[in-house]
Amino acid sequence: MVLSWIQLASLMMFLGVTLGAFGAHALKDKIPAHSLETFKTGIFYHIIHALGLFIIAWLTSQSSDPKFHYAGLCFLTGIFLFSGSLYLLAITELKSIGIITPLGGLCFLAGWFLIMHSQILP
């Protein structure tokens, strides 16, 4: 089964809100304050790029430019690499996980770059 961009965006928002609530309630007294801030940073970028996936859903309905699909894939990959690594870093405090985070950031940048250089007009 292949999910549409609107379904993927909704799933990512669902996960972002769920993880945000988990961090705010379950982790608040369990991890150090600096780790909680790291977790919150992951949530922030997760939510921003899940919203970006809603933009992708709209853009792909307006244009057949494949760059929009690639941008969406970049956002999804970025959420997993950037935010996911920050979640793991915050919970485990294994500093070596931090090497993954910039790769996710590059995926986010690549997605925005692809949108910037795509064609919205038919």
N, C-alpha and C. Protein backbone atom coordinates (compact mmCIF):
# COMPACT_ATOMS: atom_id res chain seq x y z
N MET A 1 0.83 -1.18 0.00
CA MET A 1 0.00 0.00 0.00
C MET A 1 0.89 1.25 0.00
N VAL A 2 0.63 2.13 -0.91
CA VAL A 2 1.37 3.39 -1.00
C VAL A 2 0.51 4.50 -0.42
N LEU A 3 1.08 5.26 0.48
CA LEU A 3 0.36 6.36 1.10
C LEU A 3 0.50 7.62 0.26
N SER A 4 -0.53 8.44 0.25
CA SER A 4 -0.47 9.73 -0.44
C SER A 4 0.32 10.71 0.42
N TRP A 5 0.69 11.84 -0.18
CA TRP A 5 1.41 12.86 0.59
C TRP A 5 0.57 13.39 1.74
N ILE A 6 -0.74 13.51 1.54
CA ILE A 6 -1.59 14.02 2.62
C ILE A 6 -1.64 13.01 3.77
N GLN A 7 -1.65 11.72 3.44
CA GLN A 7 -1.64 10.69 4.48
C GLN A 7 -0.30 10.67 5.21
N LEU A 8 0.80 10.79 4.47
CA LEU A 8 2.12 10.83 5.10
C LEU A 8 2.28 12.06 5.98
N ALA A 9 1.79 13.20 5.50
CA ALA A 9 1.85 14.43 6.30
C ALA A 9 1.05 14.25 7.59
N SER A 10 -0.13 13.68 7.47
CA SER A 10 -0.97 13.45 8.64
C SER A 10 -0.31 12.49 9.62
N LEU A 11 0.29 11.43 9.10
CA LEU A 11 0.99 10.46 9.95
C LEU A 11 2.16 11.13 10.68
N MET A 12 2.93 11.94 9.96
CA MET A 12 4.06 12.62 10.59
C MET A 12 3.60 13.62 11.64
N MET A 13 2.48 14.32 11.39
CA MET A 13 1.95 15.24 12.40
C MET A 13 1.46 14.45 13.62
N PHE A 14 0.78 13.34 13.38
CA PHE A 14 0.31 12.49 14.47
C PHE A 14 1.49 12.05 15.34
N LEU A 15 2.56 11.58 14.69
CA LEU A 15 3.74 11.14 15.43
C LEU A 15 4.41 12.31 16.16
N GLY A 16 4.48 13.46 15.51
CA GLY A 16 5.10 14.63 16.13
C GLY A 16 4.35 15.07 17.38
N VAL A 17 3.03 15.12 17.30
CA VAL A 17 2.22 15.51 18.45
C VAL A 17 2.33 14.46 19.55
N THR A 18 2.28 13.19 19.17
CA THR A 18 2.40 12.11 20.15
C THR A 18 3.74 12.16 20.87
N LEU A 19 4.82 12.29 20.10
CA LEU A 19 6.15 12.36 20.71
C LEU A 19 6.32 13.63 21.54
N GLY A 20 5.73 14.73 21.10
CA GLY A 20 5.78 15.96 21.88
C GLY A 20 5.10 15.80 23.23
N ALA A 21 3.94 15.15 23.23
CA ALA A 21 3.24 14.90 24.49
C ALA A 21 4.04 13.94 25.37
N PHE A 22 4.63 12.93 24.75
CA PHE A 22 5.47 11.99 25.49
C PHE A 22 6.64 12.72 26.16
N GLY A 23 7.28 13.59 25.40
CA GLY A 23 8.40 14.35 25.95
C GLY A 23 7.98 15.27 27.08
N ALA A 24 6.85 15.94 26.90
CA ALA A 24 6.39 16.90 27.90
C ALA A 24 5.93 16.23 29.19
N HIS A 25 5.38 15.04 29.07
CA HIS A 25 4.80 14.40 30.25
C HIS A 25 5.65 13.26 30.80
N ALA A 26 6.05 12.34 29.94
CA ALA A 26 6.76 11.15 30.41
C ALA A 26 8.25 11.40 30.66
N LEU A 27 8.84 12.29 29.88
CA LEU A 27 10.29 12.50 30.00
C LEU A 27 10.67 13.64 30.92
N LYS A 28 9.72 14.51 31.22
CA LYS A 28 10.00 15.75 31.95
C LYS A 28 10.86 15.53 33.20
N ASP A 29 10.55 14.54 33.97
CA ASP A 29 11.29 14.30 35.22
C ASP A 29 12.27 13.13 35.12
N LYS A 30 12.43 12.59 33.92
CA LYS A 30 13.25 11.39 33.75
C LYS A 30 14.61 11.66 33.10
N ILE A 31 14.72 12.76 32.36
CA ILE A 31 15.98 13.07 31.68
C ILE A 31 16.42 14.48 32.09
N PRO A 32 17.73 14.77 31.98
CA PRO A 32 18.22 16.12 32.34
C PRO A 32 17.60 17.21 31.45
N ALA A 33 17.59 18.42 31.97
CA ALA A 33 16.98 19.56 31.26
C ALA A 33 17.59 19.75 29.87
N HIS A 34 18.94 19.60 29.74
CA HIS A 34 19.56 19.80 28.43
C HIS A 34 19.10 18.72 27.44
N SER A 35 18.85 17.52 27.93
CA SER A 35 18.35 16.45 27.06
C SER A 35 16.91 16.71 26.65
N LEU A 36 16.12 17.26 27.56
CA LEU A 36 14.74 17.61 27.22
C LEU A 36 14.72 18.70 26.16
N GLU A 37 15.64 19.66 26.23
CA GLU A 37 15.74 20.70 25.21
C GLU A 37 16.11 20.09 23.85
N THR A 38 17.00 19.12 23.86
CA THR A 38 17.37 18.41 22.62
C THR A 38 16.14 17.73 22.04
N PHE A 39 15.36 17.07 22.89
CA PHE A 39 14.13 16.40 22.45
C PHE A 39 13.17 17.41 21.85
N LYS A 40 13.01 18.57 22.51
CA LYS A 40 12.11 19.61 22.02
C LYS A 40 12.56 20.15 20.67
N THR A 41 13.87 20.25 20.46
CA THR A 41 14.38 20.69 19.16
C THR A 41 13.97 19.68 18.08
N GLY A 42 14.08 18.40 18.39
CA GLY A 42 13.64 17.37 17.46
C GLY A 42 12.17 17.52 17.13
N ILE A 43 11.35 17.77 18.15
CA ILE A 43 9.91 17.95 17.93
C ILE A 43 9.65 19.16 17.04
N PHE A 44 10.33 20.27 17.30
CA PHE A 44 10.12 21.48 16.51
C PHE A 44 10.37 21.23 15.02
N TYR A 45 11.51 20.64 14.69
CA TYR A 45 11.82 20.40 13.28
C TYR A 45 10.94 19.30 12.69
N HIS A 46 10.53 18.36 13.50
CA HIS A 46 9.60 17.31 13.06
C HIS A 46 8.29 17.96 12.62
N ILE A 47 7.71 18.79 13.49
CA ILE A 47 6.42 19.43 13.19
C ILE A 47 6.53 20.37 11.99
N ILE A 48 7.58 21.18 11.95
CA ILE A 48 7.75 22.11 10.83
C ILE A 48 7.78 21.36 9.50
N HIS A 49 8.50 20.26 9.46
CA HIS A 49 8.63 19.54 8.19
C HIS A 49 7.45 18.62 7.91
N ALA A 50 6.71 18.25 8.94
CA ALA A 50 5.43 17.56 8.70
C ALA A 50 4.46 18.55 8.05
N LEU A 51 4.47 19.81 8.52
CA LEU A 51 3.67 20.85 7.85
C LEU A 51 4.15 21.05 6.41
N GLY A 52 5.48 20.97 6.23
CA GLY A 52 6.03 21.04 4.88
C GLY A 52 5.48 19.95 3.98
N LEU A 53 5.21 18.78 4.55
CA LEU A 53 4.64 17.69 3.76
C LEU A 53 3.21 18.01 3.31
N PHE A 54 2.48 18.78 4.11
CA PHE A 54 1.16 19.24 3.64
C PHE A 54 1.32 20.18 2.44
N ILE A 55 2.36 21.00 2.47
CA ILE A 55 2.65 21.86 1.32
C ILE A 55 2.98 20.99 0.11
N ILE A 56 3.76 19.94 0.31
CA ILE A 56 4.08 19.01 -0.78
C ILE A 56 2.81 18.39 -1.33
N ALA A 57 1.90 18.00 -0.45
CA ALA A 57 0.63 17.41 -0.91
C ALA A 57 -0.10 18.38 -1.83
N TRP A 58 -0.13 19.65 -1.45
CA TRP A 58 -0.81 20.64 -2.29
C TRP A 58 -0.04 20.87 -3.59
N LEU A 59 1.30 21.02 -3.48
CA LEU A 59 2.09 21.30 -4.69
C LEU A 59 2.00 20.17 -5.70
N THR A 60 1.99 18.92 -5.24
CA THR A 60 1.91 17.80 -6.18
C THR A 60 0.52 17.72 -6.82
N SER A 61 -0.48 18.34 -6.20
CA SER A 61 -1.80 18.38 -6.83
C SER A 61 -1.89 19.49 -7.87
N GLN A 62 -0.91 20.42 -7.85
CA GLN A 62 -0.91 21.56 -8.76
C GLN A 62 0.08 21.43 -9.91
N SER A 63 1.05 20.55 -9.75
CA SER A 63 2.13 20.45 -10.73
C SER A 63 2.63 19.01 -10.82
N SER A 64 3.11 18.66 -12.00
CA SER A 64 3.67 17.32 -12.20
C SER A 64 5.20 17.32 -12.07
N ASP A 65 5.78 18.43 -11.63
CA ASP A 65 7.23 18.50 -11.49
C ASP A 65 7.69 17.47 -10.45
N PRO A 66 8.54 16.53 -10.84
CA PRO A 66 8.97 15.48 -9.90
C PRO A 66 9.80 16.02 -8.73
N LYS A 67 10.29 17.23 -8.84
CA LYS A 67 11.08 17.80 -7.74
C LYS A 67 10.26 17.90 -6.46
N PHE A 68 8.94 18.07 -6.59
CA PHE A 68 8.10 18.14 -5.40
C PHE A 68 8.09 16.80 -4.66
N HIS A 69 8.03 15.72 -5.42
CA HIS A 69 8.06 14.38 -4.80
C HIS A 69 9.41 14.15 -4.12
N TYR A 70 10.48 14.54 -4.79
CA TYR A 70 11.81 14.38 -4.19
C TYR A 70 11.95 15.24 -2.94
N ALA A 71 11.38 16.43 -2.98
CA ALA A 71 11.41 17.30 -1.79
C ALA A 71 10.68 16.63 -0.63
N GLY A 72 9.54 16.02 -0.92
CA GLY A 72 8.80 15.31 0.12
C GLY A 72 9.61 14.16 0.70
N LEU A 73 10.29 13.43 -0.16
CA LEU A 73 11.15 12.34 0.31
C LEU A 73 12.29 12.89 1.18
N CYS A 74 12.82 14.03 0.80
CA CYS A 74 13.87 14.67 1.60
C CYS A 74 13.33 15.06 2.98
N PHE A 75 12.12 15.62 3.02
CA PHE A 75 11.52 15.99 4.31
C PHE A 75 11.31 14.76 5.19
N LEU A 76 10.77 13.69 4.60
CA LEU A 76 10.55 12.46 5.37
C LEU A 76 11.87 11.91 5.92
N THR A 77 12.86 11.85 5.05
CA THR A 77 14.17 11.35 5.47
C THR A 77 14.76 12.25 6.55
N GLY A 78 14.60 13.55 6.37
CA GLY A 78 15.10 14.50 7.36
C GLY A 78 14.44 14.33 8.72
N ILE A 79 13.13 14.09 8.72
CA ILE A 79 12.43 13.87 9.99
C ILE A 79 13.03 12.66 10.71
N PHE A 80 13.23 11.58 9.96
CA PHE A 80 13.77 10.38 10.59
C PHE A 80 15.22 10.57 11.04
N LEU A 81 16.04 11.18 10.19
CA LEU A 81 17.46 11.32 10.54
C LEU A 81 17.70 12.43 11.56
N PHE A 82 17.16 13.62 11.29
CA PHE A 82 17.42 14.76 12.17
C PHE A 82 16.65 14.60 13.49
N SER A 83 15.34 14.59 13.39
CA SER A 83 14.54 14.52 14.61
C SER A 83 14.74 13.19 15.32
N GLY A 84 14.75 12.11 14.56
CA GLY A 84 14.94 10.79 15.17
C GLY A 84 16.24 10.68 15.93
N SER A 85 17.31 11.22 15.37
CA SER A 85 18.60 11.16 16.08
C SER A 85 18.58 12.02 17.33
N LEU A 86 17.87 13.16 17.28
CA LEU A 86 17.77 13.99 18.48
C LEU A 86 16.94 13.31 19.56
N TYR A 87 15.88 12.60 19.17
CA TYR A 87 15.09 11.85 20.15
C TYR A 87 15.97 10.80 20.83
N LEU A 88 16.70 10.05 20.02
CA LEU A 88 17.58 9.01 20.58
C LEU A 88 18.69 9.61 21.44
N LEU A 89 19.27 10.70 20.97
CA LEU A 89 20.33 11.37 21.72
C LEU A 89 19.81 11.83 23.09
N ALA A 90 18.61 12.42 23.09
CA ALA A 90 18.04 12.92 24.34
C ALA A 90 17.76 11.78 25.33
N ILE A 91 17.27 10.67 24.82
CA ILE A 91 16.87 9.57 25.71
C ILE A 91 18.07 8.74 26.15
N THR A 92 19.01 8.50 25.23
CA THR A 92 20.13 7.61 25.55
C THR A 92 21.38 8.35 26.00
N GLU A 93 21.51 9.62 25.60
CA GLU A 93 22.70 10.44 25.83
C GLU A 93 23.96 9.84 25.21
N LEU A 94 23.77 9.01 24.17
CA LEU A 94 24.92 8.49 23.41
C LEU A 94 25.33 9.55 22.40
N LYS A 95 26.42 10.23 22.66
CA LYS A 95 26.86 11.35 21.83
C LYS A 95 27.14 10.93 20.38
N SER A 96 27.51 9.67 20.17
CA SER A 96 27.84 9.21 18.81
C SER A 96 26.64 9.27 17.88
N ILE A 97 25.43 9.27 18.42
CA ILE A 97 24.22 9.37 17.59
C ILE A 97 24.17 10.73 16.91
N GLY A 98 24.79 11.73 17.54
CA GLY A 98 24.78 13.09 17.00
C GLY A 98 25.38 13.24 15.63
N ILE A 99 26.17 12.26 15.18
CA ILE A 99 26.77 12.34 13.84
C ILE A 99 25.71 12.22 12.74
N ILE A 100 24.56 11.64 13.07
CA ILE A 100 23.48 11.46 12.10
C ILE A 100 22.70 12.75 11.89
N THR A 101 22.60 13.56 12.93
CA THR A 101 21.75 14.75 12.91
C THR A 101 22.03 15.69 11.73
N PRO A 102 23.29 16.03 11.42
CA PRO A 102 23.53 16.94 10.30
C PRO A 102 23.07 16.37 8.95
N LEU A 103 23.09 15.05 8.81
CA LEU A 103 22.60 14.45 7.56
C LEU A 103 21.11 14.73 7.38
N GLY A 104 20.37 14.66 8.48
CA GLY A 104 18.96 15.00 8.43
C GLY A 104 18.75 16.47 8.10
N GLY A 105 19.59 17.32 8.68
CA GLY A 105 19.51 18.75 8.37
C GLY A 105 19.77 19.02 6.90
N LEU A 106 20.73 18.31 6.33
CA LEU A 106 20.99 18.44 4.89
C LEU A 106 19.80 17.98 4.06
N CYS A 107 19.11 16.95 4.52
CA CYS A 107 17.89 16.50 3.81
C CYS A 107 16.83 17.60 3.84
N PHE A 108 16.65 18.24 5.00
CA PHE A 108 15.70 19.35 5.08
C PHE A 108 16.06 20.45 4.09
N LEU A 109 17.33 20.82 4.08
CA LEU A 109 17.79 21.88 3.17
C LEU A 109 17.59 21.48 1.71
N ALA A 110 17.89 20.22 1.39
CA ALA A 110 17.72 19.74 0.01
C ALA A 110 16.25 19.82 -0.40
N GLY A 111 15.35 19.48 0.51
CA GLY A 111 13.92 19.56 0.20
C GLY A 111 13.49 20.97 -0.12
N TRP A 112 13.90 21.92 0.70
CA TRP A 112 13.54 23.33 0.44
C TRP A 112 14.20 23.83 -0.84
N PHE A 113 15.42 23.39 -1.10
CA PHE A 113 16.11 23.77 -2.33
C PHE A 113 15.35 23.25 -3.56
N LEU A 114 14.89 22.01 -3.49
CA LEU A 114 14.13 21.43 -4.60
C LEU A 114 12.84 22.19 -4.85
N ILE A 115 12.16 22.58 -3.78
CA ILE A 115 10.94 23.37 -3.96
C ILE A 115 11.26 24.70 -4.61
N MET A 116 12.34 25.32 -4.15
CA MET A 116 12.74 26.62 -4.68
C MET A 116 13.03 26.55 -6.18
N HIS A 117 13.54 25.41 -6.65
CA HIS A 117 13.94 25.27 -8.05
C HIS A 117 12.99 24.40 -8.86
N SER A 118 11.74 24.34 -8.47
CA SER A 118 10.77 23.54 -9.21
C SER A 118 9.82 24.45 -9.97
N GLN A 119 9.01 23.82 -10.79
CA GLN A 119 8.07 24.55 -11.64
C GLN A 119 6.65 24.33 -11.13
N ILE A 120 6.00 25.39 -10.71
CA ILE A 120 4.61 25.28 -10.26
C ILE A 120 3.66 25.44 -11.44
N LEU A 121 4.09 26.16 -12.45
CA LEU A 121 3.23 26.37 -13.60
C LEU A 121 3.29 25.17 -14.55
N PRO A 122 2.17 24.83 -15.19
CA PRO A 122 2.18 23.67 -16.11
C PRO A 122 3.09 23.88 -17.30
